[in-house]
């Protein structure tokens, strides 16, 4: 398409592609000058910059954790049988893969691997695969799951230190022992251990119980909560936190709202 005067008009898809490549270059250590130069060509994708720039605009050695969870209007992340594909739409799926491309490591709990057998790689957008981190304190998962055998990206299995010996491996995954905690793992200790390996930017991708532990421990900087326009009526609840007596005692993060296709993303910003 052309604009008056014969200039080519940038389509939304082209603008988003330009914006995304600029964001990736910035993430890899590019300068703000290069990012600013890309903005005019990608002005049609301003929402993309608004959504992802805050996740990049920080010192690379500063620990940072964002969680992402999709739920129904009535607060369910899956049916009672555990089926969750596909609760949210394709735009939210693309958002998940973009988040993976912007972090050093993606973290999931054992139940997510057991029920979904995910790859946890970047496939729906350009970008590098993050390190995959699976929390399985008791080492109950089979090494036959894809994350432990496909070799697509480096993989760590987090196990309680009384369940692992030095040099142990789980399929192709390295085992990282951590002291046992009441919930099986300590989110703060996990973040510290990963940061010592240079894995500072984390995506906590699931499931609801794992993300709930991070929220309860005040170990999240941001939570991306995608609300899909569907009522399940029953099933597995989203976040599970300690009971409170009054609404005023609940967490009240700062909020940004953005449309993701038919879904709505609530970005919860937890102040330090």
Protein backbone atom coordinates (compact mmCIF):
# COMPACT_ATOMS: atom_id res chain seq x y z
CA UNK A 1 0.00 0.00 0.00
CA UNK A 2 1.14 3.55 -0.68
CA UNK A 3 0.49 6.88 0.97
CA UNK A 4 -0.16 10.15 -0.92
CA UNK A 5 3.08 11.12 -2.63
CA UNK A 6 3.99 7.54 -3.50
CA UNK A 7 5.55 6.50 -0.18
CA UNK A 8 5.02 2.92 0.90
CA UNK A 9 2.62 2.55 3.81
CA UNK A 10 3.75 0.23 6.61
CA UNK A 11 1.16 -2.38 7.49
CA UNK A 12 0.45 -3.27 11.10
CA UNK A 13 2.15 -6.65 10.69
CA UNK A 14 5.24 -4.99 9.20
CA UNK A 15 5.25 -2.36 11.94
CA UNK A 16 5.05 -5.02 14.64
CA UNK A 17 7.86 -7.00 13.02
CA UNK A 18 10.07 -3.90 12.94
CA UNK A 19 9.18 -3.07 16.53
CA UNK A 20 9.85 -6.59 17.74
CA UNK A 21 13.27 -6.80 16.05
CA UNK A 22 14.16 -3.42 17.57
CA UNK A 23 13.14 -4.65 21.02
CA UNK A 24 15.20 -7.82 20.59
CA UNK A 25 18.23 -5.76 19.55
CA UNK A 26 17.78 -3.60 22.63
CA UNK A 27 17.44 -6.71 24.79
CA UNK A 28 20.73 -8.06 23.37
CA UNK A 29 22.52 -4.91 24.47
CA UNK A 30 21.80 -2.49 21.66
CA UNK A 31 21.73 1.21 22.36
CA UNK A 32 18.70 3.38 22.98
CA UNK A 33 19.74 5.34 19.89
CA UNK A 34 19.14 2.30 17.69
CA UNK A 35 15.82 1.74 19.37
CA UNK A 36 14.78 5.34 18.87
CA UNK A 37 15.72 5.13 15.19
CA UNK A 38 13.34 2.20 14.74
CA UNK A 39 10.36 3.96 16.32
CA UNK A 40 9.24 6.02 13.28
CA UNK A 41 9.06 2.95 11.05
CA UNK A 42 7.27 1.03 13.77
CA UNK A 43 4.97 3.82 14.98
CA UNK A 44 1.98 1.64 14.15
CA UNK A 45 3.11 -0.77 16.84
CA UNK A 46 3.28 1.66 19.74
CA UNK A 47 1.40 -0.78 21.95
CA UNK A 48 4.19 -3.32 21.47
CA UNK A 49 6.79 -0.86 22.75
CA UNK A 50 4.53 0.13 25.65
CA UNK A 51 4.06 -3.49 26.70
CA UNK A 52 7.62 -4.82 26.47
CA UNK A 53 9.96 -1.84 26.87
CA UNK A 54 9.57 -1.75 30.69
CA UNK A 55 10.76 -5.38 30.82
CA UNK A 56 13.94 -4.46 28.96
CA UNK A 57 14.75 -0.99 30.26
CA UNK A 58 16.81 -2.01 33.27
CA UNK A 59 20.42 -3.01 33.99
CA UNK A 60 21.04 -6.53 32.62
CA UNK A 61 22.45 -7.69 35.96
CA UNK A 62 19.41 -6.57 37.96
CA UNK A 63 17.29 -9.57 39.05
CA UNK A 64 13.76 -9.27 37.70
CA UNK A 65 10.84 -11.73 37.63
CA UNK A 66 7.58 -11.53 35.69
CA UNK A 67 4.86 -14.18 35.87
CA UNK A 68 2.23 -14.90 33.24
CA UNK A 69 -1.06 -16.68 33.78
CA UNK A 70 -4.24 -17.00 31.69
CA UNK A 71 -7.59 -17.48 33.41
CA UNK A 72 -11.31 -17.45 32.69
CA UNK A 73 -13.67 -14.67 33.76
CA UNK A 74 -14.54 -16.75 36.83
CA UNK A 75 -10.92 -17.26 37.86
CA UNK A 76 -10.17 -20.75 36.50
CA UNK A 77 -6.96 -21.73 34.71
CA UNK A 78 -8.09 -25.20 33.63
CA UNK A 79 -10.98 -27.64 33.84
CA UNK A 80 -11.21 -30.09 36.72
CA UNK A 81 -9.37 -32.66 34.58
CA UNK A 82 -6.52 -30.22 33.98
CA UNK A 83 -7.34 -29.28 30.36
CA UNK A 84 -6.24 -25.71 29.63
CA UNK A 85 -5.60 -25.62 25.85
CA UNK A 86 -6.54 -23.20 24.63
CA UNK A 87 -8.14 -21.01 27.29
CA UNK A 88 -6.79 -17.74 25.94
CA UNK A 89 -6.39 -16.82 22.29
CA UNK A 90 -3.58 -16.76 19.75
CA UNK A 91 -2.51 -13.23 20.67
CA UNK A 92 -1.89 -14.30 24.26
CA UNK A 93 0.04 -17.34 23.02
CA UNK A 94 2.23 -15.00 20.97
CA UNK A 95 2.65 -12.85 24.09
CA UNK A 96 3.88 -15.90 26.01
CA UNK A 97 6.54 -16.63 23.40
CA UNK A 98 7.63 -12.99 23.28
CA UNK A 99 8.07 -13.03 27.05
CA UNK A 100 10.20 -16.17 26.74
CA UNK A 101 12.39 -14.43 24.17
CA UNK A 102 13.02 -11.50 26.53
CA UNK A 103 14.14 -13.44 29.61
CA UNK A 104 17.13 -15.51 30.63
CA UNK A 105 15.09 -18.40 32.02
CA UNK A 106 11.50 -19.66 32.07
CA UNK A 107 10.35 -21.35 35.29
CA UNK A 108 7.52 -23.87 35.69
CA UNK A 109 6.35 -26.27 38.37
CA UNK A 110 6.20 -30.04 38.16
CA UNK A 111 2.42 -30.13 37.56
CA UNK A 112 2.75 -27.99 34.44
CA UNK A 113 5.26 -30.45 32.98
CA UNK A 114 3.17 -33.43 34.06
CA UNK A 115 -0.10 -32.19 32.52
CA UNK A 116 1.10 -30.17 29.49
CA UNK A 117 4.52 -31.66 28.61
CA UNK A 118 5.54 -28.21 27.32
CA UNK A 119 8.60 -27.37 25.24
CA UNK A 120 9.10 -23.91 26.83
CA UNK A 121 10.92 -22.68 23.72
CA UNK A 122 10.42 -19.66 21.46
CA UNK A 123 8.53 -20.74 18.34
CA UNK A 124 5.86 -18.14 17.55
CA UNK A 125 8.20 -15.17 17.17
CA UNK A 126 11.88 -14.49 16.47
CA UNK A 127 14.10 -14.80 19.53
CA UNK A 128 16.46 -17.08 21.43
CA UNK A 129 15.29 -19.92 23.67
CA UNK A 130 15.61 -19.24 27.40
CA UNK A 131 17.09 -21.70 29.88
CA UNK A 132 14.27 -23.98 31.08
CA UNK A 133 13.86 -24.40 34.85
CA UNK A 134 11.55 -27.05 36.27
CA UNK A 135 10.73 -27.11 39.98
CA UNK A 136 10.30 -30.70 41.16
CA UNK A 137 11.43 -30.84 44.77
CA UNK A 138 10.69 -34.57 45.13
CA UNK A 139 12.02 -35.59 41.68
CA UNK A 140 8.74 -37.29 40.77
CA UNK A 141 8.76 -36.36 37.08
CA UNK A 142 9.85 -38.89 34.49
CA UNK A 143 12.97 -37.99 32.47
CA UNK A 144 10.92 -38.85 29.37
CA UNK A 145 9.21 -35.44 29.34
CA UNK A 146 10.29 -33.29 26.39
CA UNK A 147 12.12 -30.66 28.44
CA UNK A 148 14.44 -33.35 29.80
CA UNK A 149 15.28 -35.07 26.54
CA UNK A 150 14.82 -32.83 23.46
CA UNK A 151 18.05 -30.83 23.92
CA UNK A 152 16.36 -27.72 22.51
CA UNK A 153 17.67 -25.50 25.33
CA UNK A 154 19.70 -25.89 28.53
CA UNK A 155 17.45 -27.27 31.28
CA UNK A 156 17.70 -27.22 35.07
CA UNK A 157 15.71 -29.38 37.47
CA UNK A 158 15.27 -27.80 40.90
CA UNK A 159 15.20 -30.54 43.53
CA UNK A 160 15.32 -30.57 47.32
CA UNK A 161 18.90 -31.06 48.47
CA UNK A 162 17.95 -34.31 50.20
CA UNK A 163 16.76 -35.69 46.85
CA UNK A 164 19.89 -35.00 44.80
CA UNK A 165 23.57 -35.87 44.88
CA UNK A 166 26.44 -33.92 43.30
CA UNK A 167 26.66 -34.63 39.59
CA UNK A 168 23.13 -36.05 39.31
CA UNK A 169 21.27 -35.48 36.05
CA UNK A 170 17.65 -35.98 35.07
CA UNK A 171 17.66 -37.02 31.45
CA UNK A 172 19.58 -34.23 29.71
CA UNK A 173 18.81 -31.77 32.53
CA UNK A 174 21.27 -30.63 35.17
CA UNK A 175 19.98 -30.92 38.73
CA UNK A 176 20.27 -27.85 40.95
CA UNK A 177 19.72 -28.82 44.62
CA UNK A 178 18.17 -26.22 46.93
CA UNK A 179 17.35 -26.44 50.64
CA UNK A 180 13.88 -27.81 51.28
CA UNK A 181 11.21 -25.29 52.28
CA UNK A 182 7.68 -25.61 53.66
CA UNK A 183 6.16 -25.36 50.17
CA UNK A 184 8.87 -27.55 48.67
CA UNK A 185 10.95 -24.58 47.48
CA UNK A 186 11.76 -21.03 48.51
CA UNK A 187 11.10 -18.57 45.63
CA UNK A 188 13.59 -16.04 47.03
CA UNK A 189 16.33 -18.68 47.34
CA UNK A 190 15.51 -19.91 43.82
CA UNK A 191 15.87 -16.43 42.36
CA UNK A 192 19.16 -15.97 44.18
CA UNK A 193 20.53 -19.32 42.95
CA UNK A 194 19.57 -18.58 39.35
CA UNK A 195 21.05 -15.07 39.52
CA UNK A 196 24.36 -16.61 40.62
CA UNK A 197 24.33 -18.44 37.28
CA UNK A 198 23.69 -15.21 35.37
CA UNK A 199 19.97 -15.95 34.98
CA UNK A 200 18.65 -12.62 36.21
CA UNK A 201 15.52 -12.09 34.12
CA UNK A 202 12.92 -14.75 34.85
CA UNK A 203 9.52 -15.66 33.45
CA UNK A 204 7.42 -17.68 35.91
CA UNK A 205 5.06 -19.35 33.47
CA UNK A 206 3.09 -21.77 35.58
CA UNK A 207 1.17 -23.10 36.94
CA UNK A 208 -1.13 -21.32 39.34
CA UNK A 209 0.32 -22.93 42.48
CA UNK A 210 3.91 -22.07 41.53
CA UNK A 211 2.99 -18.48 40.70
CA UNK A 212 0.99 -18.24 43.94
CA UNK A 213 4.14 -19.19 45.90
CA UNK A 214 6.06 -16.37 44.17
CA UNK A 215 3.28 -13.84 44.88
CA UNK A 216 3.03 -14.90 48.54
CA UNK A 217 6.81 -14.63 48.97
CA UNK A 218 6.82 -11.13 47.41
CA UNK A 219 9.23 -12.57 44.83
CA UNK A 220 7.59 -11.07 41.71
CA UNK A 221 8.18 -7.71 40.11
CA UNK A 222 5.25 -8.03 37.68
CA UNK A 223 2.35 -10.38 37.05
CA UNK A 224 0.75 -10.58 33.61
CA UNK A 225 -2.76 -11.90 34.18
CA UNK A 226 -4.67 -12.55 30.96
CA UNK A 227 -8.46 -12.77 31.29
CA UNK A 228 -10.21 -14.81 28.60
CA UNK A 229 -13.90 -14.07 27.86
CA UNK A 230 -15.17 -17.48 28.94
CA UNK A 231 -16.93 -18.88 32.01
CA UNK A 232 -15.83 -22.39 32.99
CA UNK A 233 -18.10 -22.71 36.01
CA UNK A 234 -15.73 -25.15 37.70
CA UNK A 235 -12.13 -26.28 37.47
CA UNK A 236 -8.76 -25.36 38.84
CA UNK A 237 -8.54 -21.95 40.49
CA UNK A 238 -6.06 -19.29 39.47
CA UNK A 239 -4.08 -17.79 42.37
CA UNK A 240 -4.31 -19.37 45.82
CA UNK A 241 -3.13 -17.08 48.61
CA UNK A 242 -3.49 -16.99 52.38
CA UNK A 243 -6.95 -16.05 53.64
CA UNK A 244 -7.50 -12.45 54.73
CA UNK A 245 -10.22 -10.99 56.95
CA UNK A 246 -10.98 -7.83 54.95
CA UNK A 247 -10.51 -6.69 51.34
CA UNK A 248 -8.31 -3.79 52.48
CA UNK A 249 -5.67 -6.32 53.54
CA UNK A 250 -5.30 -7.70 50.04
CA UNK A 251 -2.43 -6.90 47.69
CA UNK A 252 -3.17 -3.87 45.55
CA UNK A 253 -0.52 -3.53 42.83
CA UNK A 254 -0.44 -0.78 40.26
CA UNK A 255 -2.24 -1.89 37.11
CA UNK A 256 -1.94 -1.47 33.35
CA UNK A 257 -4.64 -2.86 31.04
CA UNK A 258 -4.08 -3.91 27.44
CA UNK A 259 -6.10 -5.79 24.86
CA UNK A 260 -4.67 -9.05 23.54
CA UNK A 261 -7.11 -9.88 20.76
CA UNK A 262 -10.35 -10.82 22.51
CA UNK A 263 -8.53 -11.26 25.82
CA UNK A 264 -7.58 -8.53 28.28
CA UNK A 265 -4.15 -8.41 29.91
CA UNK A 266 -3.87 -6.95 33.40
CA UNK A 267 -0.27 -6.13 34.21
CA UNK A 268 0.18 -6.05 37.99
CA UNK A 269 3.21 -3.99 39.02
CA UNK A 270 4.53 -4.79 42.48
CA UNK A 271 6.51 -1.94 43.99
CA UNK A 272 9.65 -2.87 45.88
